[in-house]
Amino acid sequence: MSPTIKIRWGLALLGGFLAEAGIFAVMPIALQFGDQAPLYVIPPTCLVMTFVFGFWVGRRAGSRFVLHGTLVGVVAALIYIGLTLGQTLPLAYVVSHFLKVLGGMAGGFVASRQLKQGASTDIERAAVV
Protein backbone atom coordinates (compact mmCIF):
# COMPACT_ATOMS: atom_id res chain seq x y z
CA MET A 1 0.00 0.00 0.00
CA SER A 2 1.37 3.40 -0.97
CA PRO A 3 1.72 6.25 1.51
CA THR A 4 -1.12 8.71 1.79
CA ILE A 5 -1.41 10.87 -1.29
CA LYS A 6 -2.54 14.40 -0.62
CA ILE A 7 -5.69 15.87 -2.03
CA ARG A 8 -4.94 19.08 -3.90
CA TRP A 9 -7.75 21.13 -2.33
CA GLY A 10 -6.64 24.47 -3.75
CA LEU A 11 -6.56 23.05 -7.25
CA ALA A 12 -9.99 21.44 -6.79
CA LEU A 13 -11.45 24.72 -5.48
CA LEU A 14 -9.94 26.65 -8.39
CA GLY A 15 -11.26 24.13 -10.92
CA GLY A 16 -14.75 24.24 -9.42
CA PHE A 17 -14.75 28.02 -9.39
CA LEU A 18 -13.56 28.22 -13.01
CA ALA A 19 -16.13 25.65 -14.11
CA GLU A 20 -18.93 27.60 -12.44
CA ALA A 21 -17.61 30.86 -13.93
CA GLY A 22 -17.74 29.26 -17.37
CA ILE A 23 -21.31 28.17 -16.77
CA PHE A 24 -22.27 31.69 -15.68
CA ALA A 25 -20.61 33.08 -18.82
CA VAL A 26 -22.96 31.00 -20.99
CA MET A 27 -26.12 32.28 -19.27
CA PRO A 28 -26.34 35.69 -21.05
CA ILE A 29 -25.81 33.99 -24.39
CA ALA A 30 -28.57 31.48 -23.66
CA LEU A 31 -30.94 34.24 -22.56
CA GLN A 32 -30.65 35.85 -26.00
CA PHE A 33 -32.68 32.92 -27.32
CA GLY A 34 -35.52 33.41 -24.86
CA ASP A 35 -36.34 33.02 -21.20
CA GLN A 36 -36.68 29.24 -21.47
CA ALA A 37 -33.42 28.66 -23.37
CA PRO A 38 -31.24 28.35 -20.24
CA LEU A 39 -33.32 25.38 -19.12
CA TYR A 40 -32.03 23.52 -22.19
CA VAL A 41 -28.57 25.05 -22.48
CA ILE A 42 -27.33 25.10 -18.88
CA PRO A 43 -27.53 21.34 -18.04
CA PRO A 44 -25.25 20.23 -20.90
CA THR A 45 -23.03 23.26 -20.25
CA CYS A 46 -22.64 22.10 -16.65
CA LEU A 47 -21.59 18.65 -17.81
CA VAL A 48 -19.08 20.00 -20.34
CA MET A 49 -17.55 22.70 -18.13
CA THR A 50 -16.98 20.39 -15.18
CA PHE A 51 -15.61 17.72 -17.53
CA VAL A 52 -13.08 20.21 -18.91
CA PHE A 53 -12.01 21.48 -15.51
CA GLY A 54 -12.16 18.03 -13.91
CA PHE A 55 -9.77 16.86 -16.61
CA TRP A 56 -7.57 19.94 -16.11
CA VAL A 57 -7.42 19.47 -12.34
CA GLY A 58 -6.92 15.71 -12.63
CA ARG A 59 -3.94 16.17 -14.92
CA ARG A 60 -2.33 18.66 -12.57
CA ALA A 61 -3.12 16.73 -9.39
CA GLY A 62 -1.13 13.75 -10.66
CA SER A 63 -3.03 11.21 -8.55
CA ARG A 64 -6.54 10.37 -7.40
CA PHE A 65 -7.77 11.72 -10.69
CA VAL A 66 -11.44 10.77 -10.34
CA LEU A 67 -11.57 12.12 -6.79
CA HIS A 68 -10.09 15.44 -7.87
CA GLY A 69 -12.51 15.65 -10.80
CA THR A 70 -15.41 14.83 -8.51
CA LEU A 71 -14.33 17.59 -6.14
CA VAL A 72 -14.42 20.05 -9.04
CA GLY A 73 -18.05 19.11 -9.70
CA VAL A 74 -18.98 19.25 -6.02
CA VAL A 75 -17.38 22.68 -5.59
CA ALA A 76 -19.16 24.02 -8.68
CA ALA A 77 -22.49 22.67 -7.41
CA LEU A 78 -21.94 24.08 -3.92
CA ILE A 79 -21.15 27.52 -5.32
CA TYR A 80 -24.47 27.67 -7.15
CA ILE A 81 -26.39 26.16 -4.25
CA GLY A 82 -24.86 28.80 -1.98
CA LEU A 83 -25.85 31.59 -4.36
CA THR A 84 -29.44 30.39 -4.67
CA LEU A 85 -30.06 29.18 -1.11
CA GLY A 86 -33.73 29.41 -0.24
CA GLN A 87 -34.87 29.93 -3.84
CA THR A 88 -37.02 27.52 -5.79
CA LEU A 89 -35.08 26.28 -8.79
CA PRO A 90 -36.33 24.64 -11.97
CA LEU A 91 -35.82 20.89 -12.09
CA ALA A 92 -33.30 21.35 -14.91
CA TYR A 93 -31.02 23.29 -12.55
CA VAL A 94 -31.32 20.68 -9.82
CA VAL A 95 -30.38 17.99 -12.36
CA SER A 96 -27.48 20.23 -13.41
CA HIS A 97 -25.89 19.77 -10.01
CA PHE A 98 -25.72 16.03 -10.56
CA LEU A 99 -24.36 16.63 -14.05
CA LYS A 100 -21.62 18.83 -12.58
CA VAL A 101 -20.44 16.01 -10.33
CA LEU A 102 -20.74 13.47 -13.16
CA GLY A 103 -18.83 15.73 -15.55
CA GLY A 104 -16.03 16.28 -13.05
CA MET A 105 -15.78 12.54 -12.40
CA ALA A 106 -15.62 11.82 -16.11
CA GLY A 107 -12.95 14.47 -16.64
CA GLY A 108 -10.83 12.97 -13.87
CA PHE A 109 -11.35 9.49 -15.30
CA VAL A 110 -10.24 10.55 -18.77
CA ALA A 111 -7.20 12.29 -17.28
CA SER A 112 -6.21 9.06 -15.50
CA ARG A 113 -6.70 6.96 -18.63
CA GLN A 114 -4.67 9.39 -20.69
CA LEU A 115 -1.83 9.36 -18.17
CA LYS A 116 -1.84 5.55 -18.00
CA GLN A 117 -1.93 5.32 -21.79
CA GLY A 118 0.95 7.80 -22.05
CA ALA A 119 2.97 5.84 -19.49
CA SER A 120 2.49 2.57 -21.37
CA THR A 121 3.51 4.28 -24.60
CA ASP A 122 6.69 5.56 -22.92
CA ILE A 123 7.49 2.04 -21.70
CA GLU A 124 6.93 0.62 -25.19
CA ARG A 125 9.24 3.28 -26.69
CA ALA A 126 11.92 2.53 -24.11
CA ALA A 127 11.72 -1.19 -24.90
CA VAL A 128 12.19 -0.52 -28.62
CA VAL A 129 15.24 1.69 -28.07
Foldseek 3Di string as FASTA:
>chain_A
DDPDQDDPVVLLLVLLVQLLVQLVVCVVVQCVVHPCSCLVVNLVSLLQSLLVSLLVSLLVSVPPSLVSLLSSLQSNLVVVCVVQPPHDDPPSVVVSSVSNNVSSNNSSVVNVVVVVVVVVVVVVVVVVD
